[in-house]
Amino acid sequence: MEKLRLDKYLWAIRVFKTRGQAAEACEKGKVRMEGDALKAAKTVRIGDMYDIKSETRRWVVKVTGLLEKRVQFSEAVKFYEDLTPVEEKERLAFQ
């Protein structure tokens, strides 16, 4: 696969339930790389790191593989490394 859109990748790794939600998050500036807001059409590359704010949590993910189609969660986690800060994970545990 040569090119993969950011919104499609975020949907495939199950950060968002729909591709439309992923695209909307990009439009609203909730997906960033190195502090810069990204567009839904940005090409994803292995090694990219994204700071993502979804409705329920904040994610920091590093791309470890490209995934074009949505798969089960147990498979999807093989395509990114979750670098979310410990404080955020602890906050989620208390909800």
C-alpha atoms as a PDB file:
ATOM      1  CA  MET A   1       0.000   0.000   0.000  1.00  0.00           C
ATOM      2  CA  GLU A   2       1.511   3.299  -1.060  1.00  0.00           C
ATOM      3  CA  LYS A   3      -0.769   5.901   0.477  1.00  0.00           C
ATOM      4  CA  LEU A   4      -3.097   5.766   3.444  1.00  0.00           C
ATOM      5  CA  ARG A   5      -5.197   8.691   4.626  1.00  0.00           C
ATOM      6  CA  LEU A   6      -5.024   9.669   8.280  1.00  0.00           C
ATOM      7  CA  ASP A   7      -8.785   9.464   8.827  1.00  0.00           C
ATOM      8  CA  LYS A   8      -8.873   5.950   7.378  1.00  0.00           C
ATOM      9  CA  TYR A   9      -5.959   4.824   9.558  1.00  0.00           C
ATOM     10  CA  LEU A  10      -7.494   6.212  12.774  1.00  0.00           C
ATOM     11  CA  TRP A  11     -10.754   4.435  11.963  1.00  0.00           C
ATOM     12  CA  ALA A  12      -8.960   1.172  11.116  1.00  0.00           C
ATOM     13  CA  ILE A  13      -7.011   1.083  14.409  1.00  0.00           C
ATOM     14  CA  ARG A  14     -10.286   1.719  16.256  1.00  0.00           C
ATOM     15  CA  VAL A  15      -9.562   5.152  17.750  1.00  0.00           C
ATOM     16  CA  PHE A  16     -12.855   6.347  16.228  1.00  0.00           C
ATOM     17  CA  LYS A  17     -16.037   4.354  15.566  1.00  0.00           C
ATOM     18  CA  THR A  18     -16.546   5.813  12.097  1.00  0.00           C
ATOM     19  CA  ARG A  19     -14.318   7.290   9.450  1.00  0.00           C
ATOM     20  CA  GLY A  20     -16.540  10.369   9.498  1.00  0.00           C
ATOM     21  CA  GLN A  21     -15.766  10.900  13.189  1.00  0.00           C
ATOM     22  CA  ALA A  22     -12.047  10.596  12.421  1.00  0.00           C
ATOM     23  CA  ALA A  23     -12.319  13.171   9.614  1.00  0.00           C
ATOM     24  CA  GLU A  24     -14.333  15.508  11.856  1.00  0.00           C
ATOM     25  CA  ALA A  25     -11.707  15.268  14.610  1.00  0.00           C
ATOM     26  CA  CYS A  26      -9.063  16.275  12.064  1.00  0.00           C
ATOM     27  CA  GLU A  27     -11.203  19.217  10.894  1.00  0.00           C
ATOM     28  CA  LYS A  28     -11.602  20.431  14.479  1.00  0.00           C
ATOM     29  CA  GLY A  29      -7.857  20.278  15.170  1.00  0.00           C
ATOM     30  CA  LYS A  30      -8.060  17.319  17.551  1.00  0.00           C
ATOM     31  CA  VAL A  31      -5.406  15.313  15.696  1.00  0.00           C
ATOM     32  CA  ARG A  32      -1.920  16.786  15.893  1.00  0.00           C
ATOM     33  CA  MET A  33       1.645  15.915  15.008  1.00  0.00           C
ATOM     34  CA  GLU A  34       4.443  17.903  16.631  1.00  0.00           C
ATOM     35  CA  GLY A  35       1.879  20.503  17.702  1.00  0.00           C
ATOM     36  CA  ASP A  36       0.435  21.054  14.219  1.00  0.00           C
ATOM     37  CA  ALA A  37      -3.195  20.242  13.428  1.00  0.00           C
ATOM     38  CA  LEU A  38      -3.529  17.718  10.606  1.00  0.00           C
ATOM     39  CA  LYS A  39      -5.996  17.301   7.776  1.00  0.00           C
ATOM     40  CA  ALA A  40      -7.869  14.041   7.221  1.00  0.00           C
ATOM     41  CA  ALA A  41      -6.109  13.495   3.890  1.00  0.00           C
ATOM     42  CA  LYS A  42      -2.591  13.571   5.373  1.00  0.00           C
ATOM     43  CA  THR A  43      -0.566  10.533   4.314  1.00  0.00           C
ATOM     44  CA  VAL A  44       0.298   8.238   7.213  1.00  0.00           C
ATOM     45  CA  ARG A  45       3.858   6.910   7.441  1.00  0.00           C
ATOM     46  CA  ILE A  46       5.407   4.321   9.727  1.00  0.00           C
ATOM     47  CA  GLY A  47       7.100   6.121  12.607  1.00  0.00           C
ATOM     48  CA  ASP A  48       4.653   9.050  12.682  1.00  0.00           C
ATOM     49  CA  MET A  49       3.436  10.040  16.151  1.00  0.00           C
ATOM     50  CA  TYR A  50      -0.029  11.515  16.633  1.00  0.00           C
ATOM     51  CA  ASP A  51      -1.632  13.256  19.602  1.00  0.00           C
ATOM     52  CA  ILE A  52      -5.364  12.555  19.352  1.00  0.00           C
ATOM     53  CA  LYS A  53      -8.259  13.833  21.431  1.00  0.00           C
ATOM     54  CA  SER A  54     -11.393  11.740  21.123  1.00  0.00           C
ATOM     55  CA  GLU A  55     -14.625  12.296  23.037  1.00  0.00           C
ATOM     56  CA  THR A  56     -13.605   9.913  25.794  1.00  0.00           C
ATOM     57  CA  ARG A  57      -9.835  10.141  26.040  1.00  0.00           C
ATOM     58  CA  ARG A  58      -6.519  11.486  24.826  1.00  0.00           C
ATOM     59  CA  TRP A  59      -4.254   9.166  22.850  1.00  0.00           C
ATOM     60  CA  VAL A  60      -0.618   9.393  21.839  1.00  0.00           C
ATOM     61  CA  VAL A  61       0.125   6.769  19.205  1.00  0.00           C
ATOM     62  CA  LYS A  62       3.139   5.855  17.119  1.00  0.00           C
ATOM     63  CA  VAL A  63       2.451   4.177  13.779  1.00  0.00           C
ATOM     64  CA  THR A  64       4.140   0.767  13.584  1.00  0.00           C
ATOM     65  CA  GLY A  65       2.284  -0.541  10.538  1.00  0.00           C
ATOM     66  CA  LEU A  66      -0.239   0.578   7.940  1.00  0.00           C
ATOM     67  CA  LEU A  67      -3.753  -0.798   8.224  1.00  0.00           C
ATOM     68  CA  GLU A  68      -6.301   0.038   5.535  1.00  0.00           C
ATOM     69  CA  LYS A  69      -9.287  -2.016   6.696  1.00  0.00           C
ATOM     70  CA  ARG A  70     -10.921  -2.110  10.109  1.00  0.00           C
ATOM     71  CA  VAL A  71     -10.121  -5.290  12.043  1.00  0.00           C
ATOM     72  CA  GLN A  72     -10.737  -6.660  15.530  1.00  0.00           C
ATOM     73  CA  PHE A  73      -9.154  -4.723  18.389  1.00  0.00           C
ATOM     74  CA  SER A  74      -6.756  -7.609  19.129  1.00  0.00           C
ATOM     75  CA  GLU A  75      -5.369  -7.261  15.572  1.00  0.00           C
ATOM     76  CA  ALA A  76      -5.540  -3.459  15.374  1.00  0.00           C
ATOM     77  CA  VAL A  77      -3.201  -2.957  18.357  1.00  0.00           C
ATOM     78  CA  LYS A  78      -0.388  -4.549  16.322  1.00  0.00           C
ATOM     79  CA  PHE A  79      -0.341  -1.515  14.011  1.00  0.00           C
ATOM     80  CA  TYR A  80       0.415   1.180  16.587  1.00  0.00           C
ATOM     81  CA  GLU A  81       2.267   1.729  19.846  1.00  0.00           C
ATOM     82  CA  ASP A  82       0.237   3.410  22.585  1.00  0.00           C
ATOM     83  CA  LEU A  83       2.433   6.124  24.123  1.00  0.00           C
ATOM     84  CA  THR A  84      -0.383   7.766  26.070  1.00  0.00           C
ATOM     85  CA  PRO A  85       0.949   9.339  29.301  1.00  0.00           C
ATOM     86  CA  VAL A  86       0.446   7.300  32.483  1.00  0.00           C
ATOM     87  CA  GLU A  87      -1.582  10.125  34.063  1.00  0.00           C
ATOM     88  CA  GLU A  88      -4.185   9.878  31.272  1.00  0.00           C
ATOM     89  CA  LYS A  89      -4.439   6.105  31.624  1.00  0.00           C
ATOM     90  CA  GLU A  90      -4.872   6.447  35.416  1.00  0.00           C
ATOM     91  CA  ARG A  91      -7.583   9.084  34.895  1.00  0.00           C
ATOM     92  CA  LEU A  92      -9.487   6.663  32.681  1.00  0.00           C
ATOM     93  CA  ALA A  93      -9.193   3.894  35.281  1.00  0.00           C
ATOM     94  CA  PHE A  94     -11.085   6.021  37.838  1.00  0.00           C
ATOM     95  CA  GLN A  95     -14.032   6.802  35.565  1.00  0.00           C
END
